[in-house]
Amino acid sequence: MLFKGIVLVLLGLIFLSLTSALGFLVRDRGQGERTVRALTLRIGLSVALFALLMLGFATGLIEPHGITP
């Protein structure tokens, strides 16, 4: 249950970072560095989420289901 909560929090942070980058892009008209920083943060969070999911799969915290032979 804790693992699912961490995944949901990371997804929420990724979404917030993406929407803030859009807001910075509109306000700064593409001239500032805030958009780049927000998108860099989003990429970092996405990589962390991917690594966490792979770690969860490797340790057995996440099990695939719905696959029928």
N, C-alpha and C. Protein backbone atom coordinates (compact mmCIF):
# COMPACT_ATOMS: atom_id res chain seq x y z
N MET A 1 0.82 -1.20 0.00
CA MET A 1 0.00 0.00 0.00
C MET A 1 0.87 1.26 0.00
N LEU A 2 1.96 1.22 0.75
CA LEU A 2 2.88 2.35 0.78
C LEU A 2 3.50 2.59 -0.59
N PHE A 3 3.81 1.50 -1.28
CA PHE A 3 4.41 1.60 -2.61
C PHE A 3 3.46 2.31 -3.58
N LYS A 4 2.19 1.96 -3.53
CA LYS A 4 1.21 2.60 -4.41
C LYS A 4 1.07 4.08 -4.09
N GLY A 5 1.15 4.42 -2.82
CA GLY A 5 1.08 5.82 -2.41
C GLY A 5 2.25 6.63 -2.94
N ILE A 6 3.45 6.04 -2.88
CA ILE A 6 4.63 6.72 -3.40
C ILE A 6 4.51 6.93 -4.90
N VAL A 7 4.02 5.93 -5.60
CA VAL A 7 3.83 6.04 -7.05
C VAL A 7 2.83 7.15 -7.38
N LEU A 8 1.74 7.20 -6.64
CA LEU A 8 0.73 8.24 -6.88
C LEU A 8 1.27 9.63 -6.58
N VAL A 9 2.06 9.76 -5.53
CA VAL A 9 2.65 11.06 -5.20
C VAL A 9 3.60 11.50 -6.31
N LEU A 10 4.43 10.57 -6.79
CA LEU A 10 5.34 10.91 -7.89
C LEU A 10 4.58 11.31 -9.14
N LEU A 11 3.51 10.60 -9.47
CA LEU A 11 2.70 10.98 -10.63
C LEU A 11 2.09 12.37 -10.46
N GLY A 12 1.63 12.68 -9.25
CA GLY A 12 1.09 14.01 -8.99
C GLY A 12 2.15 15.09 -9.12
N LEU A 13 3.36 14.83 -8.62
CA LEU A 13 4.45 15.80 -8.75
C LEU A 13 4.85 16.00 -10.21
N ILE A 14 4.84 14.92 -10.99
CA ILE A 14 5.15 15.02 -12.41
C ILE A 14 4.11 15.91 -13.10
N PHE A 15 2.85 15.70 -12.79
CA PHE A 15 1.79 16.51 -13.38
C PHE A 15 1.91 17.98 -12.97
N LEU A 16 2.19 18.23 -11.70
CA LEU A 16 2.34 19.61 -11.24
C LEU A 16 3.53 20.29 -11.91
N SER A 17 4.61 19.57 -12.07
CA SER A 17 5.78 20.14 -12.73
C SER A 17 5.47 20.47 -14.19
N LEU A 18 4.73 19.60 -14.85
CA LEU A 18 4.39 19.84 -16.25
C LEU A 18 3.46 21.05 -16.39
N THR A 19 2.48 21.16 -15.51
CA THR A 19 1.57 22.31 -15.59
C THR A 19 2.28 23.61 -15.21
N SER A 20 3.21 23.56 -14.26
CA SER A 20 3.95 24.78 -13.93
C SER A 20 4.85 25.19 -15.09
N ALA A 21 5.43 24.22 -15.80
CA ALA A 21 6.24 24.55 -16.97
C ALA A 21 5.40 25.24 -18.03
N LEU A 22 4.18 24.77 -18.21
CA LEU A 22 3.29 25.42 -19.17
C LEU A 22 2.98 26.85 -18.74
N GLY A 23 2.72 27.04 -17.46
CA GLY A 23 2.45 28.38 -16.95
C GLY A 23 3.65 29.30 -17.12
N PHE A 24 4.86 28.80 -16.84
CA PHE A 24 6.06 29.60 -17.02
C PHE A 24 6.27 29.93 -18.49
N LEU A 25 5.98 28.99 -19.37
CA LEU A 25 6.15 29.22 -20.80
C LEU A 25 5.22 30.33 -21.28
N VAL A 26 3.99 30.32 -20.79
CA VAL A 26 3.03 31.34 -21.21
C VAL A 26 3.41 32.70 -20.62
N ARG A 27 3.77 32.74 -19.33
CA ARG A 27 4.08 34.02 -18.67
C ARG A 27 5.38 34.63 -19.17
N ASP A 28 6.42 33.80 -19.33
CA ASP A 28 7.74 34.32 -19.72
C ASP A 28 7.90 34.43 -21.23
N ARG A 29 6.94 33.94 -21.98
CA ARG A 29 6.98 33.94 -23.44
C ARG A 29 8.22 33.25 -23.99
N GLY A 30 8.67 32.21 -23.27
CA GLY A 30 9.79 31.40 -23.73
C GLY A 30 11.15 32.03 -23.52
N GLN A 31 11.23 33.15 -22.79
CA GLN A 31 12.50 33.85 -22.63
C GLN A 31 13.22 33.50 -21.32
N GLY A 32 12.54 32.93 -20.35
CA GLY A 32 13.15 32.64 -19.06
C GLY A 32 13.66 31.22 -18.97
N GLU A 33 14.35 30.95 -17.87
CA GLU A 33 14.87 29.61 -17.63
C GLU A 33 13.96 28.78 -16.74
N ARG A 34 12.88 29.36 -16.24
CA ARG A 34 12.00 28.62 -15.34
C ARG A 34 11.33 27.44 -16.03
N THR A 35 11.01 27.59 -17.29
CA THR A 35 10.39 26.49 -18.04
C THR A 35 11.35 25.32 -18.15
N VAL A 36 12.60 25.61 -18.45
CA VAL A 36 13.61 24.56 -18.58
C VAL A 36 13.81 23.84 -17.25
N ARG A 37 13.86 24.60 -16.17
CA ARG A 37 14.03 23.98 -14.84
C ARG A 37 12.85 23.09 -14.49
N ALA A 38 11.64 23.54 -14.78
CA ALA A 38 10.45 22.75 -14.46
C ALA A 38 10.42 21.47 -15.30
N LEU A 39 10.80 21.56 -16.56
CA LEU A 39 10.81 20.37 -17.41
C LEU A 39 11.94 19.42 -17.02
N THR A 40 13.07 19.97 -16.58
CA THR A 40 14.16 19.13 -16.09
C THR A 40 13.74 18.39 -14.83
N LEU A 41 13.03 19.06 -13.96
CA LEU A 41 12.50 18.41 -12.76
C LEU A 41 11.52 17.30 -13.14
N ARG A 42 10.68 17.55 -14.13
CA ARG A 42 9.74 16.53 -14.58
C ARG A 42 10.46 15.31 -15.12
N ILE A 43 11.52 15.52 -15.87
CA ILE A 43 12.27 14.39 -16.41
C ILE A 43 12.92 13.61 -15.27
N GLY A 44 13.48 14.31 -14.30
CA GLY A 44 14.08 13.63 -13.15
C GLY A 44 13.06 12.82 -12.37
N LEU A 45 11.88 13.38 -12.15
CA LEU A 45 10.82 12.65 -11.45
C LEU A 45 10.35 11.44 -12.25
N SER A 46 10.28 11.59 -13.57
CA SER A 46 9.86 10.47 -14.41
C SER A 46 10.88 9.33 -14.38
N VAL A 47 12.15 9.68 -14.41
CA VAL A 47 13.21 8.66 -14.32
C VAL A 47 13.16 7.97 -12.96
N ALA A 48 12.94 8.75 -11.90
CA ALA A 48 12.84 8.17 -10.56
C ALA A 48 11.64 7.23 -10.46
N LEU A 49 10.52 7.62 -11.06
CA LEU A 49 9.34 6.76 -11.04
C LEU A 49 9.60 5.47 -11.80
N PHE A 50 10.24 5.56 -12.96
CA PHE A 50 10.56 4.38 -13.75
C PHE A 50 11.48 3.45 -12.97
N ALA A 51 12.51 4.01 -12.32
CA ALA A 51 13.43 3.20 -11.53
C ALA A 51 12.71 2.55 -10.36
N LEU A 52 11.81 3.29 -9.73
CA LEU A 52 11.04 2.74 -8.60
C LEU A 52 10.14 1.59 -9.06
N LEU A 53 9.52 1.74 -10.21
CA LEU A 53 8.67 0.68 -10.74
C LEU A 53 9.49 -0.56 -11.09
N MET A 54 10.66 -0.37 -11.68
CA MET A 54 11.52 -1.50 -12.01
C MET A 54 12.02 -2.19 -10.74
N LEU A 55 12.35 -1.41 -9.71
CA LEU A 55 12.77 -1.97 -8.43
C LEU A 55 11.63 -2.75 -7.78
N GLY A 56 10.44 -2.22 -7.85
CA GLY A 56 9.28 -2.90 -7.29
C GLY A 56 8.98 -4.20 -8.01
N PHE A 57 9.16 -4.21 -9.32
CA PHE A 57 8.96 -5.43 -10.09
C PHE A 57 10.03 -6.47 -9.76
N ALA A 58 11.29 -6.01 -9.63
CA ALA A 58 12.40 -6.92 -9.36
C ALA A 58 12.30 -7.54 -7.96
N THR A 59 11.79 -6.78 -7.00
CA THR A 59 11.69 -7.29 -5.63
C THR A 59 10.38 -8.01 -5.35
N GLY A 60 9.46 -7.98 -6.28
CA GLY A 60 8.20 -8.68 -6.09
C GLY A 60 7.09 -7.86 -5.49
N LEU A 61 7.33 -6.57 -5.28
CA LEU A 61 6.27 -5.70 -4.75
C LEU A 61 5.17 -5.48 -5.78
N ILE A 62 5.55 -5.55 -7.04
CA ILE A 62 4.60 -5.40 -8.14
C ILE A 62 4.59 -6.71 -8.90
N GLU A 63 3.41 -7.27 -9.08
CA GLU A 63 3.28 -8.50 -9.84
C GLU A 63 2.38 -8.26 -11.03
N PRO A 64 2.80 -8.70 -12.21
CA PRO A 64 1.93 -8.53 -13.37
C PRO A 64 0.69 -9.41 -13.23
N HIS A 65 -0.41 -8.92 -13.71
CA HIS A 65 -1.65 -9.70 -13.69
C HIS A 65 -2.44 -9.40 -14.95
N GLY A 66 -3.38 -10.22 -15.23
CA GLY A 66 -4.22 -10.01 -16.39
C GLY A 66 -3.65 -10.62 -17.65
N ILE A 67 -2.52 -11.27 -17.55
CA ILE A 67 -1.91 -11.89 -18.70
C ILE A 67 -2.30 -13.38 -18.69
N THR A 68 -3.05 -13.79 -19.69
CA THR A 68 -3.46 -15.19 -19.75
C THR A 68 -2.81 -15.85 -20.96
N PRO A 69 -2.28 -17.03 -20.77
CA PRO A 69 -1.62 -17.72 -21.88
C PRO A 69 -2.63 -18.26 -22.89
